[in-house]
Amino acid sequence: MVSFTVRMRFAPEDRADIAESLRKLAEASRQEAGCVSYVPHQVEGDPDTIVIYEQYADSKAMAAHRETRHFKDFAVGVLYQKMRERSVENLISLV
């Protein structure tokens, strides 16, 4: 299992575009065979910070996700273009 979070910060004027892109990206990602969980969150009290919790069956499934049309269209084409900051935390399951 591969699990991680992606934290991104955006400008207030991009909120509507970001929300719509995340909705489409999450909907399509959840349909991937190797996707276990794909959940975007807005940080409470900080509407311009988004955290996405992602889980994939294995590293092959995660790599396949990054090659999909929806990842290229909405993550690379919108989120990556508009984000001001980005960090990734790789997680290790304890149980």
Protein backbone atom coordinates (compact mmCIF):
# COMPACT_ATOMS: atom_id res chain seq x y z
CA MET A 1 0.00 0.00 0.00
CA VAL A 2 1.28 3.47 -0.90
CA SER A 3 -0.18 6.37 1.12
CA PHE A 4 0.66 10.06 1.14
CA THR A 5 -0.73 13.56 1.50
CA VAL A 6 -0.24 16.48 -0.84
CA ARG A 7 -0.61 19.95 0.69
CA MET A 8 -1.11 22.89 -1.69
CA ARG A 9 -1.76 26.57 -1.18
CA PHE A 10 -3.68 28.70 -3.68
CA ALA A 11 -4.70 32.32 -4.16
CA PRO A 12 -8.20 33.25 -2.89
CA GLU A 13 -9.33 34.24 -6.40
CA ASP A 14 -8.66 30.67 -7.63
CA ARG A 15 -10.96 28.90 -5.12
CA ALA A 16 -13.77 28.15 -7.59
CA ASP A 17 -11.42 26.77 -10.28
CA ILE A 18 -9.53 24.70 -7.72
CA ALA A 19 -12.72 23.27 -6.21
CA GLU A 20 -14.06 22.26 -9.63
CA SER A 21 -10.75 20.73 -10.73
CA LEU A 22 -10.48 18.78 -7.48
CA ARG A 23 -14.03 17.50 -7.85
CA LYS A 24 -13.32 16.20 -11.37
CA LEU A 25 -9.90 14.83 -10.43
CA ALA A 26 -11.21 13.00 -7.36
CA GLU A 27 -14.19 11.54 -9.22
CA ALA A 28 -12.01 10.14 -12.01
CA SER A 29 -9.18 9.01 -9.71
CA ARG A 30 -11.55 7.00 -7.54
CA GLN A 31 -12.47 4.95 -10.63
CA GLU A 32 -8.89 3.76 -11.18
CA ALA A 33 -8.38 0.06 -10.45
CA GLY A 34 -5.42 0.68 -8.11
CA CYS A 35 -6.82 3.68 -6.27
CA VAL A 36 -7.82 2.80 -2.71
CA SER A 37 -8.62 6.34 -1.52
CA TYR A 38 -8.50 9.84 -2.99
CA VAL A 39 -9.92 12.50 -0.70
CA PRO A 40 -9.30 16.25 -1.12
CA HIS A 41 -9.74 18.36 2.02
CA GLN A 42 -9.87 22.07 2.70
CA VAL A 43 -8.00 23.00 5.87
CA GLU A 44 -10.40 24.29 8.51
CA GLY A 45 -9.89 28.01 9.00
CA ASP A 46 -7.64 28.24 5.91
CA PRO A 47 -9.77 27.96 2.76
CA ASP A 48 -6.77 28.50 0.49
CA THR A 49 -4.94 25.39 1.69
CA ILE A 50 -5.91 22.00 0.28
CA VAL A 51 -4.71 18.62 1.54
CA ILE A 52 -5.30 15.52 -0.59
CA TYR A 53 -5.07 12.12 1.09
CA GLU A 54 -4.19 9.45 -1.47
CA GLN A 55 -3.81 5.68 -1.19
CA TYR A 56 -2.88 3.26 -3.94
CA ALA A 57 -2.60 -0.53 -3.98
CA ASP A 58 1.11 -0.29 -4.85
CA SER A 59 3.71 1.93 -6.51
CA LYS A 60 2.68 0.66 -9.95
CA ALA A 61 -0.89 1.91 -9.36
CA MET A 62 0.43 5.27 -8.16
CA ALA A 63 2.60 5.60 -11.26
CA ALA A 64 -0.36 4.66 -13.47
CA HIS A 65 -2.43 7.40 -11.79
CA ARG A 66 0.15 9.99 -12.81
CA GLU A 67 -0.14 8.91 -16.45
CA THR A 68 -3.93 9.29 -16.68
CA ARG A 69 -5.61 11.95 -18.77
CA HIS A 70 -7.48 13.31 -15.72
CA PHE A 71 -4.23 13.72 -13.74
CA LYS A 72 -2.62 15.57 -16.65
CA ASP A 73 -5.70 17.73 -17.27
CA PHE A 74 -6.62 18.68 -13.70
CA ALA A 75 -3.49 18.21 -11.56
CA VAL A 76 -0.78 19.25 -14.01
CA GLY A 77 -2.99 21.50 -16.16
CA VAL A 78 -4.77 23.40 -13.38
CA LEU A 79 -3.58 22.70 -9.83
CA TYR A 80 0.15 22.76 -10.59
CA GLN A 81 -0.27 25.94 -12.61
CA LYS A 82 -2.12 27.82 -9.88
CA MET A 83 -0.52 26.56 -6.68
CA ARG A 84 1.72 28.89 -4.71
CA GLU A 85 3.21 26.18 -2.49
CA ARG A 86 3.26 22.38 -2.50
CA SER A 87 4.57 19.70 -0.17
CA VAL A 88 4.19 15.92 -0.04
CA GLU A 89 4.27 13.69 3.03
CA ASN A 90 4.80 9.98 2.39
CA LEU A 91 3.11 7.84 5.03
CA ILE A 92 4.00 4.44 6.48
CA SER A 93 1.15 2.35 7.87
CA LEU A 94 1.63 1.20 11.46
CA VAL A 95 -0.97 -1.58 11.29
